[in-house]
Amino acid sequence: MAWVSLILAGICEMFGVTMINKLNKDRNLKSMLFLILGFGASFLFLAIAMKTLPMGTAYAIWTGIGASGGAIIGMLLYGESKDWKRIVFIAIVLSAAIGLKLVS
């Protein structure tokens, strides 16, 4: 259950980051509420995961999912560079997160 909570926390983190971008473009209450909801849910699921998982592992995987997911969303939805070097480094971050799961 802790790993499911951690993955949900990472997905909510990606949503929160996406809402930061949306808020910068739209500047409305709805975007702000979604931003708060996304990050609030992210912290909630992270806290649940950290009841079982070591803090260092949980935090590293959470930030890895959020950072990689944010970069991927930027490439897919907002026209950010899809240079192969960016993709390689995103893969490295995800590989490190998977490696932490395998050794935990």
Protein backbone atom coordinates (compact mmCIF):
# COMPACT_ATOMS: atom_id res chain seq x y z
CA MET A 1 0.00 0.00 0.00
CA ALA A 2 2.89 2.38 0.74
CA TRP A 3 4.21 2.08 -2.81
CA VAL A 4 0.76 2.75 -4.28
CA SER A 5 0.47 5.83 -2.06
CA LEU A 6 3.91 6.98 -3.17
CA ILE A 7 3.05 6.60 -6.85
CA LEU A 8 -0.21 8.51 -6.28
CA ALA A 9 1.79 11.22 -4.51
CA GLY A 10 4.06 11.50 -7.54
CA ILE A 11 1.11 11.70 -9.93
CA CYS A 12 -0.49 14.42 -7.80
CA GLU A 13 2.85 16.24 -7.79
CA MET A 14 2.86 16.15 -11.61
CA PHE A 15 -0.68 17.54 -11.59
CA GLY A 16 0.34 20.32 -9.19
CA VAL A 17 3.27 21.32 -11.37
CA THR A 18 0.99 21.38 -14.41
CA MET A 19 -1.37 23.64 -12.51
CA ILE A 20 1.48 26.05 -11.74
CA ASN A 21 1.94 26.45 -15.49
CA LYS A 22 -1.82 26.85 -16.00
CA LEU A 23 -2.03 29.43 -13.22
CA ASN A 24 0.78 31.44 -14.82
CA LYS A 25 -1.22 31.53 -18.06
CA ASP A 26 -4.79 31.97 -16.78
CA ARG A 27 -4.58 33.64 -13.35
CA ASN A 28 -7.97 32.48 -12.11
CA LEU A 29 -9.38 30.98 -8.93
CA LYS A 30 -10.07 27.59 -10.52
CA SER A 31 -6.40 27.13 -11.47
CA MET A 32 -5.31 28.16 -7.97
CA LEU A 33 -7.73 25.72 -6.33
CA PHE A 34 -6.53 22.86 -8.56
CA LEU A 35 -2.92 23.75 -7.73
CA ILE A 36 -3.64 23.62 -4.00
CA LEU A 37 -5.61 20.40 -4.40
CA GLY A 38 -2.83 18.75 -6.41
CA PHE A 39 -0.03 19.61 -4.00
CA GLY A 40 -2.22 18.94 -0.95
CA ALA A 41 -3.06 15.46 -2.20
CA SER A 42 0.59 14.91 -3.08
CA PHE A 43 1.74 15.71 0.45
CA LEU A 44 -1.05 13.61 1.95
CA PHE A 45 -0.13 10.52 -0.09
CA LEU A 46 3.57 11.11 0.60
CA ALA A 47 2.87 11.23 4.34
CA ILE A 48 0.92 7.97 4.12
CA ALA A 49 3.77 6.31 2.21
CA MET A 50 6.35 7.54 4.72
CA LYS A 51 4.59 5.70 7.54
CA THR A 52 6.12 2.54 6.06
CA LEU A 53 8.90 3.57 3.68
CA PRO A 54 12.19 5.20 4.72
CA MET A 55 12.10 8.98 4.35
CA GLY A 56 15.08 9.16 1.97
CA THR A 57 13.70 6.54 -0.38
CA ALA A 58 10.17 7.94 -0.37
CA TYR A 59 11.31 11.51 -0.94
CA ALA A 60 13.74 10.60 -3.73
CA ILE A 61 11.14 8.56 -5.60
CA TRP A 62 8.44 11.21 -5.08
CA THR A 63 10.64 13.97 -6.46
CA GLY A 64 11.82 11.73 -9.30
CA ILE A 65 8.27 10.98 -10.39
CA GLY A 66 7.29 14.65 -10.08
CA ALA A 67 10.33 16.02 -11.90
CA SER A 68 10.32 13.45 -14.69
CA GLY A 69 6.57 13.60 -15.08
CA GLY A 70 6.62 17.39 -15.15
CA ALA A 71 9.27 17.35 -17.87
CA ILE A 72 7.30 14.79 -19.91
CA ILE A 73 4.06 16.77 -19.55
CA GLY A 74 5.93 19.89 -20.65
CA MET A 75 7.13 18.09 -23.77
CA LEU A 76 3.75 16.57 -24.59
CA LEU A 77 1.39 19.43 -23.75
CA TYR A 78 3.42 22.64 -23.82
CA GLY A 79 5.81 22.20 -26.74
CA GLU A 80 9.00 21.97 -24.69
CA SER A 81 12.09 20.53 -26.34
CA LYS A 82 12.02 16.79 -27.03
CA ASP A 83 15.77 16.62 -27.54
CA TRP A 84 17.14 13.11 -27.10
CA LYS A 85 19.48 14.32 -24.34
CA ARG A 86 16.52 15.44 -22.22
CA ILE A 87 14.86 12.07 -22.72
CA VAL A 88 18.06 10.23 -21.71
CA PHE A 89 18.31 12.20 -18.48
CA ILE A 90 14.63 11.68 -17.68
CA ALA A 91 15.25 7.95 -18.17
CA ILE A 92 18.21 8.14 -15.78
CA VAL A 93 16.05 9.77 -13.10
CA LEU A 94 13.33 7.13 -13.54
CA SER A 95 15.94 4.35 -13.50
CA ALA A 96 17.31 5.66 -10.22
CA ALA A 97 13.79 5.70 -8.72
CA ILE A 98 13.24 2.11 -9.85
CA GLY A 99 16.62 1.16 -8.44
CA LEU A 100 15.70 2.61 -5.06
CA LYS A 101 12.53 0.56 -5.06
CA LEU A 102 14.46 -2.60 -5.89
CA VAL A 103 16.91 -2.14 -3.02
CA SER A 104 14.32 -1.02 -0.45
